[in-house]
N, C-alpha and C. Protein backbone atom coordinates (compact mmCIF):
# COMPACT_ATOMS: atom_id res chain seq x y z
N MET A 1 5.95 -4.24 -3.41
CA MET A 1 5.05 -4.44 -2.52
C MET A 1 5.89 -4.87 -0.53
N SER A 2 7.01 -4.79 -0.80
CA SER A 2 7.82 -4.39 0.56
C SER A 2 7.35 -3.10 1.14
N GLU A 3 7.35 -2.53 0.41
CA GLU A 3 6.94 -0.40 1.26
C GLU A 3 5.56 -0.45 1.05
N LYS A 4 4.62 -1.29 0.25
CA LYS A 4 3.86 -1.57 0.91
C LYS A 4 3.69 -1.86 1.75
N ILE A 5 4.38 -3.10 2.31
CA ILE A 5 3.90 -2.95 3.33
C ILE A 5 4.49 -3.38 5.13
N GLY A 6 5.08 -1.87 4.68
CA GLY A 6 5.25 -0.90 5.50
C GLY A 6 4.42 0.33 5.57
N LEU A 7 4.67 0.97 4.35
CA LEU A 7 3.28 1.67 5.12
C LEU A 7 2.19 1.32 5.61
N PHE A 8 1.42 0.16 5.24
CA PHE A 8 0.79 -1.27 6.51
C PHE A 8 0.71 -1.02 7.84
N ASP A 9 1.83 -1.57 7.80
CA ASP A 9 3.02 -1.67 9.37
C ASP A 9 2.99 -0.78 10.38
N LYS A 10 2.60 0.93 9.36
CA LYS A 10 2.56 2.22 9.86
C LYS A 10 1.87 2.11 10.30
N LEU A 11 1.03 2.11 9.30
CA LEU A 11 -0.41 2.45 9.99
C LEU A 11 -1.26 1.67 10.48
N LEU A 12 -1.07 0.09 11.25
CA LEU A 12 -1.64 -0.53 11.76
C LEU A 12 -1.02 -0.27 13.13
N LEU A 13 0.14 0.06 13.18
CA LEU A 13 0.54 0.75 14.59
C LEU A 13 0.46 1.67 15.01
N SER A 14 -0.07 2.93 14.22
CA SER A 14 0.24 4.41 14.04
C SER A 14 -1.96 4.35 14.85
N VAL A 15 -2.58 3.39 14.75
CA VAL A 15 -4.27 2.93 14.85
C VAL A 15 -4.21 2.43 16.54
N ALA A 16 -2.65 1.96 16.82
CA ALA A 16 -2.04 0.62 17.90
C ALA A 16 -2.16 1.80 19.01
N THR A 17 -1.50 2.93 18.31
CA THR A 17 -0.88 4.04 19.92
C THR A 17 -2.09 4.92 20.14
N GLY A 18 -3.68 4.87 19.13
CA GLY A 18 -3.89 5.63 19.92
C GLY A 18 -4.72 6.63 18.70
N ASN A 19 -3.64 6.32 17.33
CA ASN A 19 -4.70 7.25 16.15
C ASN A 19 -5.58 7.23 16.21
N HIS A 20 -6.87 7.24 16.40
CA HIS A 20 -8.68 7.52 15.44
C HIS A 20 -8.70 8.48 14.88
N ASP A 21 -8.29 9.30 14.30
CA ASP A 21 -9.10 10.32 12.88
C ASP A 21 -9.30 9.56 11.83
N LYS A 22 -10.30 10.60 11.44
CA LYS A 22 -11.24 9.64 10.73
C LYS A 22 -10.38 9.42 9.19
N ASP A 23 -8.77 10.48 8.92
CA ASP A 23 -8.29 9.95 7.86
C ASP A 23 -7.50 8.90 7.87
N THR A 24 -7.29 7.81 9.30
CA THR A 24 -6.62 7.76 9.49
C THR A 24 -7.66 5.22 9.08
N LEU A 25 -8.58 6.13 9.95
CA LEU A 25 -9.29 4.81 10.30
C LEU A 25 -9.81 5.22 8.36
N THR A 26 -10.50 5.56 8.20
CA THR A 26 -11.04 5.13 6.61
C THR A 26 -9.86 4.37 5.28
N SER A 27 -8.66 4.71 6.25
CA SER A 27 -7.65 4.43 4.83
C SER A 27 -7.15 2.77 5.83
N LEU A 28 -6.91 2.88 7.09
CA LEU A 28 -6.77 1.83 7.46
C LEU A 28 -8.19 0.71 6.59
N ALA A 29 -9.12 1.22 6.79
CA ALA A 29 -10.66 0.16 6.19
C ALA A 29 -10.66 0.20 4.72
N GLY A 30 -9.85 1.13 4.54
CA GLY A 30 -9.74 0.49 2.54
C GLY A 30 -8.68 -0.02 1.95
N ARG A 31 -7.46 -0.52 3.14
CA ARG A 31 -6.47 -1.04 2.83
C ARG A 31 -6.73 -2.55 3.38
N LEU A 32 -7.76 -2.90 4.48
CA LEU A 32 -7.92 -4.28 4.88
C LEU A 32 -9.59 -4.38 3.99
N ALA A 33 -10.32 -3.92 2.61
CA ALA A 33 -10.68 -4.44 2.44
C ALA A 33 -10.27 -4.57 0.54
N ARG A 34 -9.27 -4.72 0.90
CA ARG A 34 -8.53 -4.66 -0.99
C ARG A 34 -7.64 -6.03 -0.69
N LEU A 35 -6.86 -6.02 0.96
CA LEU A 35 -6.59 -7.58 1.78
C LEU A 35 -7.69 -8.33 1.52
N GLU A 36 -8.86 -8.41 1.63
CA GLU A 36 -9.64 -8.78 1.40
C GLU A 36 -9.77 -9.55 0.23
N GLN A 37 -9.44 -8.91 -0.17
CA GLN A 37 -10.21 -9.14 -2.20
C GLN A 37 -8.44 -9.72 -2.57
N GLU A 38 -7.33 -10.07 -1.60
CA GLU A 38 -6.66 -10.68 -2.05
C GLU A 38 -6.32 -11.90 -1.73
N ILE A 39 -6.74 -12.17 -0.55
CA ILE A 39 -6.40 -13.50 0.25
C ILE A 39 -7.22 -14.39 0.25
N GLY A 40 -6.43 -15.57 0.15
CA GLY A 40 -7.44 -16.88 -0.04
C GLY A 40 -8.16 -17.64 0.66
N THR A 41 -9.10 -19.01 0.93
CA THR A 41 -9.62 -18.89 2.03
C THR A 41 -9.15 -19.19 3.76
N SER A 42 -7.23 -19.74 2.78
CA SER A 42 -6.93 -20.26 4.46
C SER A 42 -6.39 -19.27 5.03
N GLU A 43 -6.52 -18.30 4.63
CA GLU A 43 -6.14 -16.76 4.64
C GLU A 43 -7.26 -16.21 5.83
N ARG A 44 -8.39 -16.17 5.04
CA ARG A 44 -9.72 -16.08 5.73
C ARG A 44 -9.83 -16.80 7.37
N LYS A 45 -10.05 -17.98 7.24
CA LYS A 45 -9.29 -18.89 8.41
C LYS A 45 -8.36 -18.79 9.32
N GLU A 46 -7.31 -17.86 9.17
CA GLU A 46 -6.01 -17.98 9.59
C GLU A 46 -6.48 -16.72 10.74
N ILE A 47 -6.96 -15.09 9.79
CA ILE A 47 -7.26 -13.66 10.52
C ILE A 47 -8.60 -14.11 11.28
N LYS A 48 -9.66 -14.76 11.02
CA LYS A 48 -10.66 -15.18 11.69
C LYS A 48 -10.02 -15.89 13.33
N LYS A 49 -9.85 -16.72 13.01
CA LYS A 49 -8.89 -17.41 14.47
C LYS A 49 -8.55 -16.35 15.08
N ALA A 50 -7.72 -15.21 14.57
CA ALA A 50 -6.45 -14.84 15.39
C ALA A 50 -7.56 -13.26 15.99
N SER A 51 -8.81 -13.01 15.81
CA SER A 51 -9.43 -12.38 15.81
C SER A 51 -10.92 -12.38 16.37
N ASN A 52 -10.93 -13.67 17.37
CA ASN A 52 -11.68 -13.97 17.96
C ASN A 52 -12.79 -14.64 17.30
N GLY A 53 -13.14 -14.36 15.97
CA GLY A 53 -14.01 -15.03 15.23
C GLY A 53 -13.88 -13.36 13.95
N LYS A 54 -13.81 -13.01 14.11
CA LYS A 54 -14.20 -11.39 13.47
C LYS A 54 -13.48 -11.50 11.69
N SER A 55 -14.25 -11.28 10.87
CA SER A 55 -13.76 -11.68 9.53
C SER A 55 -13.24 -9.81 9.62
N LEU A 56 -12.37 -9.92 8.02
CA LEU A 56 -11.94 -8.28 8.07
C LEU A 56 -12.57 -7.66 7.11
N LYS A 57 -13.43 -8.00 7.05
CA LYS A 57 -15.26 -7.96 6.29
C LYS A 57 -16.02 -6.56 7.64
N GLY A 58 -15.66 -7.46 8.69
CA GLY A 58 -16.37 -7.34 10.16
C GLY A 58 -16.01 -6.39 10.52
N MET A 59 -14.06 -6.87 10.11
CA MET A 59 -13.53 -5.51 10.61
C MET A 59 -13.39 -3.76 10.29
N VAL A 60 -13.88 -3.81 8.74
CA VAL A 60 -13.76 -3.13 7.96
C VAL A 60 -14.90 -2.68 8.65
N ASN A 61 -15.92 -3.47 8.44
CA ASN A 61 -17.56 -2.78 8.60
C ASN A 61 -17.61 -1.67 10.23
N GLY A 62 -16.63 -2.37 11.17
CA GLY A 62 -16.56 -2.01 12.66
C GLY A 62 -16.10 -0.43 11.89
N LEU A 63 -14.67 -0.69 11.87
CA LEU A 63 -14.01 0.51 11.62
C LEU A 63 -14.61 1.40 10.88
N LEU A 64 -15.32 1.94 10.32
CA LEU A 64 -16.73 2.29 8.74
C LEU A 64 -17.42 3.27 9.77
N ASP A 65 -18.24 2.57 10.42
CA ASP A 65 -19.02 2.72 11.72
C ASP A 65 -18.47 3.46 13.01
N ALA A 66 -17.41 2.85 13.17
CA ALA A 66 -16.51 3.76 13.88
C ALA A 66 -16.10 5.89 13.65
N ILE A 67 -16.56 5.85 12.83
CA ILE A 67 -16.40 6.85 11.63
C ILE A 67 -17.49 7.52 11.42
N ASP A 68 -18.54 7.35 11.58
CA ASP A 68 -19.92 7.64 10.29
C ASP A 68 -20.86 8.49 12.18
N PRO A 69 -20.89 9.52 11.97
CA PRO A 69 -22.00 10.17 13.00
C PRO A 69 -23.36 9.77 13.47
N GLN A 70 -23.79 9.41 11.90
CA GLN A 70 -24.69 8.03 12.33
C GLN A 70 -25.79 6.96 13.20
N LYS A 71 -23.99 7.34 13.03
CA LYS A 71 -24.64 5.06 13.96
C LYS A 71 -23.82 5.51 15.62
N HIS A 72 -23.15 7.01 15.61
CA HIS A 72 -22.41 8.19 17.03
C HIS A 72 -24.10 8.18 17.83
N THR A 73 -24.95 8.55 16.66
CA THR A 73 -25.86 9.57 16.93
C THR A 73 -27.16 7.95 17.27
N GLU A 74 -27.20 6.52 16.59
CA GLU A 74 -28.13 5.45 17.46
C GLU A 74 -28.07 5.16 18.61
N LYS A 75 -26.27 5.25 18.45
CA LYS A 75 -25.06 4.41 19.70
C LYS A 75 -25.85 5.15 20.67
N ALA A 76 -26.31 6.44 20.80
CA ALA A 76 -26.53 7.16 22.48
C ALA A 76 -28.03 7.11 22.42
N LYS A 77 -28.76 6.92 21.23
CA LYS A 77 -29.80 6.71 21.24
C LYS A 77 -30.06 5.36 22.44
N GLU A 78 -29.87 4.59 22.20
CA GLU A 78 -29.51 2.73 22.45
C GLU A 78 -28.93 3.14 24.05
N ILE A 79 -28.14 3.53 24.09
CA ILE A 79 -27.43 3.53 25.69
C ILE A 79 -28.37 4.30 26.62
N PHE A 80 -28.58 5.85 26.15
CA PHE A 80 -29.01 6.83 27.28
C PHE A 80 -30.96 6.28 26.49
N GLN A 81 -31.61 5.55 26.23
CA GLN A 81 -32.39 5.98 26.20
C GLN A 81 -33.20 6.76 25.57
N THR A 82 -33.03 7.43 24.75
CA THR A 82 -33.51 8.89 24.23
C THR A 82 -33.73 8.87 22.47
N GLN A 83 -34.31 10.02 22.23
CA GLN A 83 -34.68 10.25 20.75
C GLN A 83 -34.12 10.80 19.79
N THR A 84 -33.71 12.08 21.42
CA THR A 84 -33.40 13.09 20.95
C THR A 84 -32.20 13.43 21.91
N PRO A 85 -30.42 12.14 21.65
CA PRO A 85 -29.05 12.83 22.82
C PRO A 85 -28.79 13.61 22.30
N THR A 86 -27.73 14.86 22.96
CA THR A 86 -27.79 16.07 23.06
C THR A 86 -25.45 16.00 23.23
N GLU A 87 -25.01 17.02 23.27
CA GLU A 87 -23.80 16.56 22.59
C GLU A 87 -23.73 17.26 23.98
N ILE A 88 -22.05 16.84 24.84
CA ILE A 88 -22.41 16.87 25.24
C ILE A 88 -20.50 17.64 25.44
N ARG A 89 -19.72 18.36 26.35
CA ARG A 89 -18.67 18.82 25.83
C ARG A 89 -17.62 19.88 26.75
């Protein structure tokens, strides 16, 4: 179990220091989803309190949205008030 915790810590540190590639974020989302299944009500409340009201489920959804190209397109349409956003590189 402690090896899993060490790997989880490394994954969190990787994301915290700027590694936001699809595989890393997907892995983190999966780990958080499993954690959500394993913890009890009191731990959920603690997490929500520490994260300014965001649940693990909300965090997982946010991570998955961050790597979803369709969500990026929807956000671009909203921000730029257009139905046909273009990609600028």
